[in-house]
Amino acid sequence: MKIRKIITEVKHIPLKTPFRTALRESSHVEFVRVHVEDENGYVGIGEAPATKAVTGEDIEIILESIKSVKEQFINLACKEALEFLHSSCKIGLSAKAALDMAFISLHVKETNQTLSSYFGIKNLTPIKTDVTISLNSADMMLQDAKKAYKEGRYILKVKVGSDVLHAVDIVRRIAKELPSCEILVDANQAWDFEGTLLFIKNMLDVKIELIEQPVIATDLDALKKITHFSSIPILADEAVFSLKDAKEVMESQSANMINIKLMKCGGVTKAIEILEYARQNRIICMLGSMLEGPYSINIALYLAFAYRDVVKHVDLDSPLLYKEPSSELDFIFSGCEILFKN
């Protein structure tokens, strides 16, 4: 079946509370939703959020990117469109991710499959996601952590900023008052080498699951030194966009694990390439996300279920942050567990 129409719209989802990291602050999820329709009326949907701090793309850039290439996909079949997208389209990674997931979801409908069957999912037992504790005052972050814990969300991704002593304070307070929680620390490149070592030295008696991207992404030398020094596993995030990046980071032993995000790598197709590499080399992964809409979270969750042998950490908590529940999800979020609706 041939593609006949591609249209875009901008969507907004309010958040319960502002989302703050070392890189940005948001009061809502803002994203482009792309609809790809074939000659029989089947529609595939993809999404891309504004992620300028990470991928360099805002809403206008994503819209313009899709507009600039969409006519080239008309009259192509989905598989042809995917091949052309990844071989010839010089557009941003988030825009590419939105088109990629739309083509895949359209192909699934055209071939009368489900996303579960398409990804070969056999194990339907629940997976667990962390929940983000946004950067704020230590008192506010502790309050947010306690609230999450009361709601059954005991895997906490704690966002920290450039003030290392603030990070030490809040992580120690959360660990003391919520000793059964799993703590993941995400610095979003906010620290330098010395600051990271200071943090690690202050965590010797605190159980932390991992530290995510402590230093600037381009400084693999510092990241490698930190990884070899640290008793806490180091997760590379902004340092890994592509399969090439993943190989460079892991083969140089610059991190213990990698964070894969659809918006960083250019969609499901490219994420699978990295996940297959991780599976072959027994590399531990996080499957992460930006602040995203329900369709992009949906398809990432299918990937998390399909690659649960290498995806040991799931950071797909955007729906937990929405002000109102979404009816467009294929999954139920219960505490930190994620279950299939059917």
Protein backbone atom coordinates (compact mmCIF):
# COMPACT_ATOMS: atom_id res chain seq x y z
CA MET A 1 0.00 0.00 0.00
CA LYS A 2 1.23 3.46 -0.86
CA ILE A 3 1.44 6.53 1.35
CA ARG A 4 -1.01 9.20 0.25
CA LYS A 5 -0.91 11.93 2.89
CA ILE A 6 1.30 13.25 5.71
CA ILE A 7 -0.03 15.92 8.05
CA THR A 8 1.27 17.41 11.29
CA GLU A 9 -0.23 19.09 14.34
CA VAL A 10 1.17 20.55 17.54
CA LYS A 11 -0.09 19.12 20.82
CA HIS A 12 0.29 20.22 24.43
CA ILE A 13 -0.16 18.21 27.63
CA PRO A 14 -0.03 20.12 30.95
CA LEU A 15 2.17 18.67 33.70
CA LYS A 16 1.25 18.26 37.36
CA THR A 17 4.25 20.32 38.40
CA PRO A 18 7.09 22.01 36.48
CA PHE A 19 9.77 19.65 35.18
CA ARG A 20 13.26 20.97 35.92
CA THR A 21 16.69 19.65 35.02
CA ALA A 22 20.14 21.18 34.68
CA LEU A 23 19.30 21.83 31.02
CA ARG A 24 15.72 23.10 30.95
CA GLU A 25 12.37 23.76 32.64
CA SER A 26 8.90 22.90 31.29
CA SER A 27 5.34 23.28 32.57
CA HIS A 28 3.87 21.12 29.80
CA VAL A 29 4.78 18.55 27.19
CA GLU A 30 4.84 20.18 23.75
CA PHE A 31 5.24 17.93 20.73
CA VAL A 32 4.57 17.50 17.03
CA ARG A 33 2.23 14.68 16.09
CA VAL A 34 2.53 13.40 12.54
CA HIS A 35 -0.21 11.39 10.80
CA VAL A 36 0.76 9.23 7.81
CA GLU A 37 -2.20 7.90 5.80
CA ASP A 38 -2.13 5.26 3.08
CA GLU A 39 -4.40 4.70 0.06
CA ASN A 40 -6.74 2.44 2.08
CA GLY A 41 -7.25 4.95 4.87
CA TYR A 42 -4.96 3.33 7.45
CA VAL A 43 -3.14 5.91 9.59
CA GLY A 44 0.17 5.62 11.41
CA ILE A 45 1.07 8.14 14.10
CA GLY A 46 4.42 9.37 15.32
CA GLU A 47 5.50 12.11 17.71
CA ALA A 48 8.48 14.29 18.50
CA PRO A 49 8.76 16.69 21.44
CA ALA A 50 10.62 19.99 21.45
CA THR A 51 14.08 18.95 22.65
CA LYS A 52 16.29 21.86 21.65
CA ALA A 53 18.58 21.49 24.66
CA VAL A 54 19.45 17.95 23.55
CA THR A 55 18.86 17.54 19.80
CA GLY A 56 18.79 21.21 18.75
CA GLU A 57 15.18 20.97 17.57
CA ASP A 58 12.27 23.11 18.71
CA ILE A 59 8.68 22.74 17.49
CA GLU A 60 9.19 25.03 14.51
CA ILE A 61 12.29 23.15 13.38
CA ILE A 62 10.53 19.78 13.65
CA LEU A 63 7.52 21.05 11.69
CA GLU A 64 9.70 22.59 9.00
CA SER A 65 11.84 19.45 8.76
CA ILE A 66 8.84 17.21 8.16
CA LYS A 67 7.32 19.71 5.73
CA SER A 68 10.56 19.83 3.75
CA VAL A 69 10.62 16.08 3.07
CA LYS A 70 7.04 14.82 3.27
CA GLU A 71 6.29 15.00 -0.47
CA GLN A 72 9.18 12.62 -1.10
CA PHE A 73 7.33 9.84 0.75
CA ILE A 74 4.10 10.09 -1.23
CA ASN A 75 3.47 6.91 -3.28
CA LEU A 76 6.09 4.95 -1.36
CA ALA A 77 5.29 1.83 0.65
CA CYS A 78 6.16 1.96 4.35
CA LYS A 79 9.31 -0.13 4.01
CA GLU A 80 10.48 2.04 1.13
CA ALA A 81 9.71 5.15 3.17
CA LEU A 82 11.76 3.86 6.11
CA GLU A 83 14.72 3.06 3.89
CA PHE A 84 14.60 6.47 2.25
CA LEU A 85 14.18 8.24 5.61
CA HIS A 86 17.35 6.75 7.07
CA SER A 87 19.47 6.76 3.93
CA SER A 88 18.68 10.10 2.31
CA CYS A 89 16.80 12.53 4.57
CA LYS A 90 18.98 15.23 6.10
CA ILE A 91 16.65 16.33 8.87
CA GLY A 92 16.91 16.48 12.66
CA LEU A 93 16.84 13.31 14.73
CA SER A 94 13.58 14.03 16.55
CA ALA A 95 11.75 14.85 13.30
CA LYS A 96 13.19 11.65 11.86
CA ALA A 97 12.02 9.70 14.93
CA ALA A 98 8.44 10.95 14.50
CA LEU A 99 8.33 9.83 10.86
CA ASP A 100 10.04 6.54 11.67
CA MET A 101 7.48 5.55 14.29
CA ALA A 102 4.59 6.69 12.07
CA PHE A 103 5.82 4.52 9.17
CA ILE A 104 6.29 1.54 11.49
CA SER A 105 2.87 1.88 13.10
CA LEU A 106 1.27 2.24 9.66
CA HIS A 107 3.06 -0.88 8.42
CA VAL A 108 1.82 -2.79 11.49
CA LYS A 109 -1.78 -1.83 10.70
CA GLU A 110 -1.44 -2.62 7.01
CA THR A 111 -0.14 -6.11 7.75
CA ASN A 112 -2.83 -6.77 10.39
CA GLN A 113 -0.31 -7.12 13.20
CA THR A 114 -0.08 -5.70 16.67
CA LEU A 115 2.98 -3.87 17.92
CA SER A 116 3.51 -6.78 20.33
CA SER A 117 3.71 -9.27 17.48
CA TYR A 118 5.79 -6.91 15.34
CA PHE A 119 8.42 -6.63 18.09
CA GLY A 120 8.17 -10.32 18.98
CA ILE A 121 7.16 -9.75 22.59
CA LYS A 122 6.69 -13.02 24.48
CA ASN A 123 7.01 -12.01 28.11
CA LEU A 124 4.11 -9.79 29.18
CA THR A 125 4.97 -9.60 32.87
CA PRO A 126 5.19 -5.99 34.06
CA ILE A 127 8.29 -3.86 33.72
CA LYS A 128 9.18 -1.02 36.07
CA THR A 129 9.91 2.61 35.32
CA ASP A 130 11.57 5.21 37.46
CA VAL A 131 9.83 8.50 38.21
CA THR A 132 11.61 11.83 37.90
CA ILE A 133 12.23 14.03 40.92
CA SER A 134 12.77 17.42 39.31
CA LEU A 135 15.58 19.78 40.29
CA ASN A 136 14.41 22.11 43.02
CA SER A 137 15.24 23.10 46.58
CA ALA A 138 16.30 20.15 48.70
CA ASP A 139 13.17 20.45 50.84
CA MET A 140 10.89 20.45 47.80
CA MET A 141 12.71 17.52 46.21
CA LEU A 142 12.44 15.50 49.41
CA GLN A 143 8.73 16.29 49.58
CA ASP A 144 8.30 15.17 45.95
CA ALA A 145 10.24 11.99 46.64
CA LYS A 146 8.04 11.15 49.64
CA LYS A 147 4.91 11.79 47.59
CA ALA A 148 6.15 9.48 44.83
CA TYR A 149 6.97 6.79 47.39
CA LYS A 150 3.49 6.99 48.92
CA GLU A 151 2.10 6.44 45.43
CA GLY A 152 4.10 3.23 45.09
CA ARG A 153 6.89 4.74 42.98
CA TYR A 154 10.06 3.67 44.69
CA ILE A 155 12.49 4.00 41.76
CA LEU A 156 13.50 7.66 41.86
CA LYS A 157 15.48 9.45 39.16
CA VAL A 158 16.84 12.46 41.02
CA LYS A 159 17.70 15.43 38.79
CA VAL A 160 20.61 17.45 40.10
CA GLY A 161 22.32 20.63 38.93
CA SER A 162 25.77 22.18 38.94
CA ASP A 163 25.81 22.63 42.74
CA VAL A 164 27.43 19.35 43.78
CA LEU A 165 26.93 20.01 47.50
CA HIS A 166 23.21 20.48 46.88
CA ALA A 167 23.23 17.11 45.08
CA VAL A 168 25.04 15.47 47.99
CA ASP A 169 22.53 16.95 50.43
CA ILE A 170 19.37 15.89 48.63
CA VAL A 171 20.56 12.39 47.73
CA ARG A 172 21.68 11.71 51.28
CA ARG A 173 18.36 13.01 52.66
CA ILE A 174 16.29 10.89 50.31
CA ALA A 175 18.40 7.82 51.04
CA LYS A 176 18.05 8.35 54.79
CA GLU A 177 14.30 9.03 54.86
CA LEU A 178 13.33 6.55 52.12
CA PRO A 179 15.82 3.71 52.61
CA SER A 180 13.87 1.21 50.48
CA CYS A 181 13.90 3.46 47.41
CA GLU A 182 16.18 2.88 44.44
CA ILE A 183 18.01 6.11 43.62
CA LEU A 184 19.29 7.06 40.17
CA VAL A 185 21.19 10.35 39.98
CA ASP A 186 21.02 12.35 36.74
CA ALA A 187 23.39 15.30 36.41
CA ASN A 188 22.59 16.10 32.76
CA GLN A 189 26.25 17.08 32.10
CA ALA A 190 26.19 19.66 34.92
CA TRP A 191 29.39 18.62 36.72
CA ASP A 192 33.09 18.66 35.94
CA PHE A 193 35.56 15.90 36.71
CA GLU A 194 36.49 17.17 40.17
CA GLY A 195 32.87 17.81 41.13
CA THR A 196 31.89 14.30 40.13
CA LEU A 197 34.65 12.78 42.24
CA LEU A 198 33.54 14.93 45.18
CA PHE A 199 29.99 13.62 44.83
CA ILE A 200 31.12 10.01 44.57
CA LYS A 201 33.36 10.33 47.64
CA ASN A 202 30.36 11.64 49.61
CA MET A 203 28.24 8.63 48.56
CA LEU A 204 30.45 5.86 49.93
CA ASP A 205 27.82 4.90 52.53
CA VAL A 206 24.79 5.56 50.27
CA LYS A 207 23.34 2.99 47.88
CA ILE A 208 22.90 4.50 44.41
CA GLU A 209 21.93 2.52 41.32
CA LEU A 210 23.79 4.75 38.86
CA ILE A 211 25.02 8.23 38.00
CA GLU A 212 23.87 9.47 34.60
CA GLN A 213 26.04 11.66 32.36
CA PRO A 214 27.88 13.59 35.08
CA VAL A 215 30.14 15.54 32.69
CA ILE A 216 29.76 17.20 29.31
CA ALA A 217 29.04 14.68 26.57
CA THR A 218 32.10 15.49 24.48
CA ASP A 219 34.56 14.82 27.30
CA LEU A 220 34.85 11.05 27.04
CA ASP A 221 38.27 11.15 28.66
CA ALA A 222 36.80 12.56 31.88
CA LEU A 223 33.85 10.16 31.68
CA LYS A 224 36.23 7.23 31.32
CA LYS A 225 38.33 8.33 34.30
CA ILE A 226 35.17 8.73 36.39
CA THR A 227 33.92 5.29 35.34
CA HIS A 228 37.19 3.64 36.36
CA PHE A 229 37.27 5.52 39.66
CA SER A 230 33.64 5.05 40.65
CA SER A 231 32.09 2.16 42.56
CA ILE A 232 28.74 3.50 41.35
CA PRO A 233 27.84 2.48 37.77
CA ILE A 234 28.10 5.33 35.24
CA LEU A 235 25.45 5.72 32.55
CA ALA A 236 26.23 7.58 29.31
CA ASP A 237 23.25 9.56 27.98
CA GLU A 238 24.01 12.67 25.93
CA ALA A 239 27.29 11.04 24.91
CA VAL A 240 25.34 8.38 22.99
CA PHE A 241 23.12 9.34 20.06
CA SER A 242 24.01 6.73 17.44
CA LEU A 243 25.22 3.16 17.18
CA LYS A 244 28.65 4.60 16.40
CA ASP A 245 28.55 6.59 19.66
CA ALA A 246 27.47 3.52 21.62
CA LYS A 247 30.36 1.50 20.23
CA GLU A 248 32.85 4.27 20.96
CA VAL A 249 31.68 4.70 24.55
CA MET A 250 31.50 1.01 25.37
CA GLU A 251 34.60 -0.16 23.52
CA SER A 252 36.67 2.57 25.18
CA GLN A 253 35.15 1.61 28.55
CA SER A 254 34.04 5.20 29.07
CA ALA A 255 30.83 4.15 30.83
CA ASN A 256 29.25 1.05 32.32
CA MET A 257 25.97 1.36 30.44
CA ILE A 258 24.16 3.50 27.87
CA ASN A 259 20.86 5.37 27.66
CA ILE A 260 18.95 4.91 24.40
CA LYS A 261 16.26 7.44 23.46
CA LEU A 262 14.22 7.46 20.28
CA MET A 263 14.59 11.22 19.93
CA LYS A 264 18.38 11.05 20.15
CA CYS A 265 18.98 8.21 17.72
CA GLY A 266 16.35 8.98 15.07
CA GLY A 267 13.56 6.55 15.89
CA VAL A 268 12.70 2.91 16.51
CA THR A 269 14.72 1.62 13.56
CA LYS A 270 17.96 3.11 14.87
CA ALA A 271 17.16 2.25 18.49
CA ILE A 272 16.86 -1.41 17.48
CA GLU A 273 20.32 -1.28 15.90
CA ILE A 274 21.78 -0.10 19.23
CA LEU A 275 19.72 -2.59 21.25
CA GLU A 276 20.86 -5.47 19.05
CA TYR A 277 24.47 -4.38 19.52
CA ALA A 278 23.86 -4.25 23.28
CA ARG A 279 22.27 -7.71 23.24
CA GLN A 280 25.18 -9.21 21.29
CA ASN A 281 27.72 -7.64 23.65
CA ARG A 282 25.79 -8.04 26.91
CA ILE A 283 25.66 -4.31 27.49
CA ILE A 284 23.23 -2.99 30.08
CA CYS A 285 20.92 -0.25 28.78
CA MET A 286 18.44 2.28 29.97
CA LEU A 287 15.57 2.96 27.60
CA GLY A 288 14.86 6.60 28.23
CA SER A 289 12.77 9.47 26.96
CA MET A 290 12.43 13.19 26.91
CA LEU A 291 9.15 14.74 28.05
CA GLU A 292 7.06 13.01 25.39
CA GLY A 293 3.53 12.39 24.21
CA PRO A 294 1.64 9.10 24.60
CA TYR A 295 2.33 7.62 21.15
CA SER A 296 6.09 7.96 21.40
CA ILE A 297 6.02 6.61 24.97
CA ASN A 298 3.83 3.71 23.77
CA ILE A 299 6.25 2.52 21.12
CA ALA A 300 9.24 2.95 23.43
CA LEU A 301 7.46 0.75 25.97
CA TYR A 302 6.98 -1.98 23.38
CA LEU A 303 10.73 -1.83 22.80
CA ALA A 304 11.38 -2.04 26.55
CA PHE A 305 9.28 -5.21 26.75
CA ALA A 306 10.90 -6.69 23.64
CA TYR A 307 14.45 -6.04 24.89
CA ARG A 308 13.95 -6.58 28.57
CA ASP A 309 17.07 -8.79 28.65
CA VAL A 310 19.30 -5.74 28.07
CA VAL A 311 16.99 -2.89 29.17
CA LYS A 312 17.61 -3.06 32.90
CA HIS A 313 16.52 0.52 33.56
CA VAL A 314 13.35 2.09 32.15
CA ASP A 315 12.89 5.87 32.19
CA LEU A 316 9.53 6.24 30.45
CA ASP A 317 7.66 8.13 33.12
CA SER A 318 6.16 11.03 31.12
CA PRO A 319 2.58 9.75 31.62
CA LEU A 320 3.12 9.84 35.38
CA LEU A 321 3.90 13.54 35.06
CA TYR A 322 0.84 14.46 32.97
CA LYS A 323 -1.74 16.53 34.83
CA GLU A 324 -4.51 14.23 33.55
CA PRO A 325 -4.25 10.54 32.57
CA SER A 326 -3.95 9.83 28.84
CA SER A 327 -6.48 7.59 27.09
CA GLU A 328 -4.03 7.04 24.20
CA LEU A 329 -1.68 4.69 26.06
CA ASP A 330 -1.65 0.93 25.51
CA PHE A 331 -0.37 0.46 29.04
CA ILE A 332 -1.43 0.91 32.64
CA PHE A 333 0.93 2.66 35.06
CA SER A 334 0.48 1.26 38.57
CA GLY A 335 3.00 2.59 41.05
CA CYS A 336 6.29 1.97 39.28
CA GLU A 337 4.94 -1.01 37.33
CA ILE A 338 3.83 -0.84 33.71
CA LEU A 339 1.32 -3.43 32.51
CA PHE A 340 -0.39 -4.13 29.20
CA LYS A 341 -4.02 -3.00 29.18
CA ASN A 342 -5.22 -6.28 27.68
